[in-house]
N, C-alpha and C. Protein backbone atom coordinates (compact mmCIF):
# COMPACT_ATOMS: atom_id res chain seq x y z
N UNK A 1 -58.86 190.51 103.62
CA UNK A 1 -59.81 190.16 104.64
C UNK A 1 -60.44 191.21 105.47
N UNK A 2 -61.32 190.96 105.43
CA UNK A 2 -62.25 192.30 106.38
C UNK A 2 -63.44 190.81 106.91
N UNK A 3 -63.67 191.90 108.37
CA UNK A 3 -64.56 191.25 109.37
C UNK A 3 -65.39 192.19 110.42
N UNK A 4 -66.46 192.22 109.99
CA UNK A 4 -67.54 193.27 111.00
C UNK A 4 -68.01 192.46 111.43
N UNK A 5 -68.65 193.07 112.58
CA UNK A 5 -69.32 191.83 113.76
C UNK A 5 -70.53 193.00 114.89
N UNK A 6 -71.09 192.51 114.88
CA UNK A 6 -72.96 193.23 115.54
C UNK A 6 -72.49 192.78 117.01
N UNK A 7 -72.54 192.79 117.81
CA UNK A 7 -72.61 192.42 119.39
C UNK A 7 -74.11 192.06 119.82
N UNK A 8 -74.36 191.40 120.43
CA UNK A 8 -75.93 191.44 121.38
C UNK A 8 -75.55 192.98 121.91
N UNK A 9 -77.08 192.95 122.60
CA UNK A 9 -77.04 193.99 123.92
C UNK A 9 -76.25 193.59 124.88
N UNK A 10 -75.99 192.26 125.03
CA UNK A 10 -74.82 191.74 126.60
C UNK A 10 -73.46 192.28 126.74
N UNK A 11 -73.31 192.75 125.09
CA UNK A 11 -71.66 192.91 124.96
C UNK A 11 -71.71 194.78 125.54
N UNK A 12 -72.84 195.29 125.35
CA UNK A 12 -72.95 197.05 125.47
C UNK A 12 -72.39 197.09 127.21
N UNK A 13 -73.07 196.19 127.54
CA UNK A 13 -72.31 196.48 129.64
C UNK A 13 -70.86 196.46 129.77
N UNK A 14 -70.34 195.23 129.77
CA UNK A 14 -68.75 195.26 130.25
C UNK A 14 -68.74 194.60 131.64
N UNK A 15 -67.28 194.63 132.21
CA UNK A 15 -67.54 193.57 133.21
C UNK A 15 -65.94 194.01 133.85
N UNK A 16 -66.03 194.75 134.84
CA UNK A 16 -64.50 195.14 135.43
C UNK A 16 -63.75 194.00 135.92
N UNK A 17 -62.36 193.39 135.38
CA UNK A 17 -61.69 192.84 135.46
C UNK A 17 -60.38 193.52 136.23
N UNK A 18 -59.46 192.28 136.57
CA UNK A 18 -58.29 192.94 137.13
C UNK A 18 -56.87 191.71 136.77
N UNK A 19 -56.61 192.43 135.81
CA UNK A 19 -55.61 192.02 134.98
C UNK A 19 -54.29 191.25 135.84
N UNK A 20 -53.58 190.01 135.73
CA UNK A 20 -52.70 189.47 136.32
C UNK A 20 -51.47 190.48 136.97
N UNK A 21 -50.99 191.89 136.60
CA UNK A 21 -50.36 192.01 137.13
C UNK A 21 -50.88 193.42 137.90
N UNK A 22 -52.13 192.91 137.62
CA UNK A 22 -52.95 193.94 138.93
C UNK A 22 -53.42 196.07 138.85
N UNK A 23 -53.00 195.74 137.01
CA UNK A 23 -54.81 196.93 136.49
C UNK A 23 -55.87 196.70 136.22
N UNK A 24 -56.24 197.26 136.48
CA UNK A 24 -57.68 197.11 136.35
C UNK A 24 -57.77 197.05 135.03
N UNK A 25 -58.66 196.96 134.41
CA UNK A 25 -59.46 196.87 132.69
C UNK A 25 -61.29 196.55 132.98
N UNK A 26 -61.69 196.56 131.38
CA UNK A 26 -62.83 196.18 131.19
C UNK A 26 -62.81 195.36 130.42
N UNK A 27 -63.66 194.37 130.34
CA UNK A 27 -64.01 193.03 129.44
C UNK A 27 -65.04 193.21 128.76
N UNK A 28 -65.81 192.97 127.37
CA UNK A 28 -66.91 192.79 126.72
C UNK A 28 -67.19 192.23 126.23
N UNK A 29 -67.82 190.77 126.11
CA UNK A 29 -68.16 189.80 125.50
C UNK A 29 -69.89 189.76 125.41
N UNK A 30 -69.37 188.68 123.87
CA UNK A 30 -70.86 188.21 123.10
C UNK A 30 -71.00 186.99 123.27
N UNK A 31 -71.50 186.62 123.84
CA UNK A 31 -71.48 184.33 123.05
C UNK A 31 -72.53 184.62 121.15
N UNK A 32 -73.36 186.25 121.29
CA UNK A 32 -74.81 185.79 120.67
C UNK A 32 -74.46 187.29 119.55
N UNK A 33 -73.32 187.82 119.35
CA UNK A 33 -73.02 187.93 118.23
C UNK A 33 -73.49 187.69 116.86
N UNK A 34 -73.44 188.93 115.70
CA UNK A 34 -73.74 188.70 114.31
C UNK A 34 -72.03 188.69 114.03
N UNK A 35 -72.08 188.55 112.80
CA UNK A 35 -70.48 188.65 112.00
C UNK A 35 -70.62 188.17 110.52
N UNK A 36 -69.81 189.06 109.86
CA UNK A 36 -69.20 188.42 108.65
C UNK A 36 -67.79 189.38 108.58
N UNK A 37 -67.89 187.43 107.66
CA UNK A 37 -65.92 187.41 107.26
C UNK A 37 -65.79 187.84 105.87
N UNK A 38 -65.35 188.38 105.73
CA UNK A 38 -65.26 188.25 103.58
C UNK A 38 -63.77 188.16 103.33
N UNK A 39 -63.18 186.94 102.59
CA UNK A 39 -61.93 186.75 102.80
C UNK A 39 -62.18 187.36 100.80
N UNK A 40 -60.60 188.48 100.55
CA UNK A 40 -60.76 188.49 99.23
C UNK A 40 -59.45 188.59 98.68
N UNK A 41 -59.52 188.67 97.42
CA UNK A 41 -57.98 188.40 96.73
C UNK A 41 -57.48 188.10 95.77
N UNK A 42 -56.33 189.31 95.50
CA UNK A 42 -56.56 190.24 94.46
C UNK A 42 -55.85 189.18 92.82
N UNK A 43 -56.49 189.77 91.78
CA UNK A 43 -56.39 188.70 90.48
C UNK A 43 -56.83 190.17 89.36
N UNK A 44 -55.80 190.92 89.24
CA UNK A 44 -56.37 192.43 88.57
C UNK A 44 -57.03 192.55 88.62
N UNK A 45 -57.94 192.23 90.13
CA UNK A 45 -59.00 193.41 90.56
C UNK A 45 -59.62 192.51 91.86
N UNK A 46 -59.89 193.29 92.82
CA UNK A 46 -60.34 192.65 94.28
C UNK A 46 -61.70 191.39 93.02
N UNK A 47 -60.80 190.04 94.00
CA UNK A 47 -62.36 189.31 93.76
C UNK A 47 -62.62 188.40 95.15
N UNK A 48 -63.83 188.01 95.65
CA UNK A 48 -64.25 187.38 96.96
C UNK A 48 -63.98 185.90 96.47
N UNK A 49 -63.16 186.06 97.83
CA UNK A 49 -62.69 184.32 97.24
C UNK A 49 -64.22 183.30 98.17
N UNK A 50 -63.99 183.70 99.10
CA UNK A 50 -64.93 183.16 100.96
C UNK A 50 -65.81 184.54 101.09
N UNK A 51 -67.24 184.05 102.09
CA UNK A 51 -67.86 184.61 102.16
C UNK A 51 -68.71 184.10 103.75
N UNK A 52 -68.28 184.17 104.97
CA UNK A 52 -68.72 183.69 105.89
C UNK A 52 -69.87 184.42 106.91
N UNK A 53 -71.09 184.71 106.67
CA UNK A 53 -71.82 184.94 107.98
C UNK A 53 -72.74 184.17 108.97
N UNK A 54 -72.60 184.84 110.53
CA UNK A 54 -72.67 184.24 111.26
C UNK A 54 -73.71 184.69 111.63
N UNK A 55 -75.24 184.17 112.44
CA UNK A 55 -76.31 185.23 112.63
C UNK A 55 -76.97 184.98 114.22
N UNK A 56 -76.26 185.61 115.01
CA UNK A 56 -76.06 185.48 115.80
C UNK A 56 -75.64 184.06 116.69
N UNK A 57 -74.69 183.47 116.58
CA UNK A 57 -74.05 182.64 116.55
C UNK A 57 -72.38 182.57 116.55
N UNK A 58 -72.53 184.21 116.77
CA UNK A 58 -70.62 184.74 116.80
C UNK A 58 -70.09 184.97 118.07
N UNK A 59 -69.25 184.15 118.75
CA UNK A 59 -68.52 184.80 120.03
C UNK A 59 -67.78 186.18 119.55
N UNK A 60 -67.84 187.27 120.32
CA UNK A 60 -67.13 188.69 120.32
C UNK A 60 -67.07 188.84 122.04
N UNK A 61 -65.76 189.11 121.45
CA UNK A 61 -64.55 189.77 122.96
C UNK A 61 -63.92 190.96 123.03
N UNK A 62 -63.88 192.12 123.49
CA UNK A 62 -63.12 193.31 123.08
C UNK A 62 -62.63 193.63 124.87
N UNK A 63 -61.16 193.24 125.12
CA UNK A 63 -60.39 194.63 126.56
C UNK A 63 -60.13 195.58 126.56
N UNK A 64 -60.23 196.37 127.81
CA UNK A 64 -59.84 197.88 127.31
C UNK A 64 -59.63 197.96 128.55
N UNK A 65 -58.14 199.19 128.91
CA UNK A 65 -57.97 199.79 129.56
C UNK A 65 -58.92 200.61 130.90
């Protein structure tokens, strides 16, 4: 399975948050990301079983410290 996404402009800004343990973190999210999900299986070679594309309807979220 492979997943690719392209977040909207709002994703790049990020927001500082405080975790329950008191440490600082950055949270970036977008309600309007593009995404492609590709599900492949191996039957003597790699073959696509399903393929979904979401244009501006996916949710993307990444957190970091």
